[in-house]
C-alpha atoms as a PDB file:
ATOM      1  CA  MET A   1      36.163   2.978  21.160  1.00  0.00           C
ATOM      2  CA  ASN A   2      35.174  -0.082  23.167  1.00  0.00           C
ATOM      3  CA  ILE A   3      32.754  -2.330  21.264  1.00  0.00           C
ATOM      4  CA  GLU A   4      30.530  -3.938  23.863  1.00  0.00           C
ATOM      5  CA  HIS A   5      27.362  -4.227  21.800  1.00  0.00           C
ATOM      6  CA  ARG A   6      26.543  -4.717  18.124  1.00  0.00           C
ATOM      7  CA  VAL A   7      23.247  -4.489  16.221  1.00  0.00           C
ATOM      8  CA  VAL A   8      22.832  -5.587  12.615  1.00  0.00           C
ATOM      9  CA  MET A   9      19.682  -4.636  10.755  1.00  0.00           C
ATOM     10  CA  GLU A  10      18.492  -4.979   7.178  1.00  0.00           C
ATOM     11  CA  VAL A  11      17.053  -1.844   5.641  1.00  0.00           C
ATOM     12  CA  ARG A  12      14.803  -1.872   2.564  1.00  0.00           C
ATOM     13  CA  HIS A  13      13.074   0.895   0.618  1.00  0.00           C
ATOM     14  CA  VAL A  14      15.174   3.644   2.258  1.00  0.00           C
ATOM     15  CA  PRO A  15      17.735   5.472   0.124  1.00  0.00           C
ATOM     16  CA  ARG A  16      21.248   5.315   1.520  1.00  0.00           C
ATOM     17  CA  TYR A  17      21.531   9.122   1.715  1.00  0.00           C
ATOM     18  CA  ARG A  18      18.477   9.223   4.020  1.00  0.00           C
ATOM     19  CA  LEU A  19      19.981   6.526   6.214  1.00  0.00           C
ATOM     20  CA  MET A  20      23.251   8.479   6.448  1.00  0.00           C
ATOM     21  CA  LEU A  21      21.305  11.651   7.274  1.00  0.00           C
ATOM     22  CA  ALA A  22      19.415   9.860  10.063  1.00  0.00           C
ATOM     23  CA  LEU A  23      22.705   8.566  11.504  1.00  0.00           C
ATOM     24  CA  GLN A  24      24.077  12.114  11.496  1.00  0.00           C
ATOM     25  CA  GLU A  25      20.915  13.359  13.214  1.00  0.00           C
ATOM     26  CA  ALA A  26      21.515  10.692  15.871  1.00  0.00           C
ATOM     27  CA  GLY A  27      24.772  12.452  16.754  1.00  0.00           C
ATOM     28  CA  SER A  28      27.508  11.126  14.489  1.00  0.00           C
ATOM     29  CA  GLU A  29      29.889  12.599  11.951  1.00  0.00           C
ATOM     30  CA  VAL A  30      30.587  11.199   8.489  1.00  0.00           C
ATOM     31  CA  VAL A  31      33.817   9.201   8.216  1.00  0.00           C
ATOM     32  CA  ASP A  32      33.404   8.164   4.580  1.00  0.00           C
ATOM     33  CA  VAL A  33      30.636   7.460   2.067  1.00  0.00           C
ATOM     34  CA  ALA A  34      29.021   4.658   4.080  1.00  0.00           C
ATOM     35  CA  SER A  35      30.433   5.108   7.614  1.00  0.00           C
ATOM     36  CA  VAL A  36      29.792   7.404  10.555  1.00  0.00           C
ATOM     37  CA  ALA A  37      31.318   7.699  14.015  1.00  0.00           C
ATOM     38  CA  ALA A  38      30.484   9.287  17.341  1.00  0.00           C
ATOM     39  CA  PRO A  39      32.410   9.228  20.640  1.00  0.00           C
ATOM     40  CA  ARG A  40      30.667   6.079  21.980  1.00  0.00           C
ATOM     41  CA  TRP A  41      29.373   4.381  18.825  1.00  0.00           C
ATOM     42  CA  ALA A  42      29.997   3.935  15.114  1.00  0.00           C
ATOM     43  CA  ALA A  43      27.996   2.587  12.185  1.00  0.00           C
ATOM     44  CA  HIS A  44      28.531   1.502   8.613  1.00  0.00           C
ATOM     45  CA  ILE A  45      26.306   0.492   5.710  1.00  0.00           C
ATOM     46  CA  GLU A  46      26.935  -2.548   3.530  1.00  0.00           C
ATOM     47  CA  SER A  47      25.197  -3.151   0.205  1.00  0.00           C
ATOM     48  CA  LEU A  48      23.212  -6.356  -0.167  1.00  0.00           C
ATOM     49  CA  GLU A  49      21.913  -8.027  -3.298  1.00  0.00           C
ATOM     50  CA  PRO A  50      18.485  -6.597  -4.179  1.00  0.00           C
ATOM     51  CA  ASP A  51      15.376  -8.707  -3.655  1.00  0.00           C
ATOM     52  CA  ILE A  52      13.538  -9.516  -6.852  1.00  0.00           C
ATOM     53  CA  VAL A  53       9.760  -9.182  -6.555  1.00  0.00           C
ATOM     54  CA  GLY A  54       8.316 -10.114  -9.915  1.00  0.00           C
ATOM     55  CA  ILE A  55      10.192  -7.844 -12.295  1.00  0.00           C
ATOM     56  CA  VAL A  56      11.012  -5.190  -9.672  1.00  0.00           C
ATOM     57  CA  GLU A  57      14.327  -5.006  -7.796  1.00  0.00           C
ATOM     58  CA  VAL A  58      13.990  -3.921  -4.163  1.00  0.00           C
ATOM     59  CA  PRO A  59      17.248  -2.335  -2.925  1.00  0.00           C
ATOM     60  CA  ARG A  60      18.583  -3.603   0.397  1.00  0.00           C
ATOM     61  CA  ASP A  61      21.342  -2.489   2.756  1.00  0.00           C
ATOM     62  CA  ARG A  62      22.761  -3.864   5.988  1.00  0.00           C
ATOM     63  CA  LEU A  63      23.318  -1.339   8.777  1.00  0.00           C
ATOM     64  CA  VAL A  64      25.820  -2.305  11.489  1.00  0.00           C
ATOM     65  CA  ILE A  65      25.891  -0.220  14.684  1.00  0.00           C
ATOM     66  CA  GLU A  66      28.634  -0.915  17.262  1.00  0.00           C
ATOM     67  CA  GLY A  67      29.706   0.654  20.548  1.00  0.00           C
ATOM     68  CA  ALA A  68      28.472   1.183  24.089  1.00  0.00           C
ATOM     69  CA  ARG A  69      25.267  -0.751  24.773  1.00  0.00           C
ATOM     70  CA  THR A  70      23.123   2.239  25.784  1.00  0.00           C
ATOM     71  CA  GLU A  71      24.216   4.307  22.801  1.00  0.00           C
ATOM     72  CA  VAL A  72      23.772   1.459  20.315  1.00  0.00           C
ATOM     73  CA  GLU A  73      20.265   0.759  21.615  1.00  0.00           C
ATOM     74  CA  ARG A  74      19.392   4.476  21.463  1.00  0.00           C
ATOM     75  CA  VAL A  75      20.639   4.838  17.888  1.00  0.00           C
ATOM     76  CA  HIS A  76      18.979   1.575  16.824  1.00  0.00           C
ATOM     77  CA  SER A  77      15.610   2.771  18.163  1.00  0.00           C
ATOM     78  CA  TYR A  78      16.034   6.131  16.449  1.00  0.00           C
ATOM     79  CA  ILE A  79      16.897   4.509  13.108  1.00  0.00           C
ATOM     80  CA  LEU A  80      13.897   2.173  13.374  1.00  0.00           C
ATOM     81  CA  ARG A  81      11.587   5.157  13.878  1.00  0.00           C
ATOM     82  CA  GLN A  82      13.178   7.093  11.008  1.00  0.00           C
ATOM     83  CA  THR A  83      13.085   4.202   8.533  1.00  0.00           C
ATOM     84  CA  GLU A  84       9.435   3.477   9.348  1.00  0.00           C
ATOM     85  CA  ARG A  85       8.595   7.142   8.849  1.00  0.00           C
ATOM     86  CA  HIS A  86      10.343   7.273   5.461  1.00  0.00           C
ATOM     87  CA  ARG A  87       8.686   4.091   4.223  1.00  0.00           C
ATOM     88  CA  ARG A  88       5.170   5.515   4.575  1.00  0.00           C
END
């Protein structure tokens, strides 16, 4: 796969399993616990330290999407819509 474009986004308040499900819905197949791949793009999730808000820990993850520019932009837009929907 030729990596011509890369998007890195921070995701909060969305369980990792929902993020993986959304990536699969965008057209990928699971490679391992935190990685997916499709013919023209791939993505992986990295754990970040949680934010501390008062006494509450807010879980955070970093999502990295790489591949062909048009596919990466399409998947990025889809993930943004899905994460906004799940946060409501």
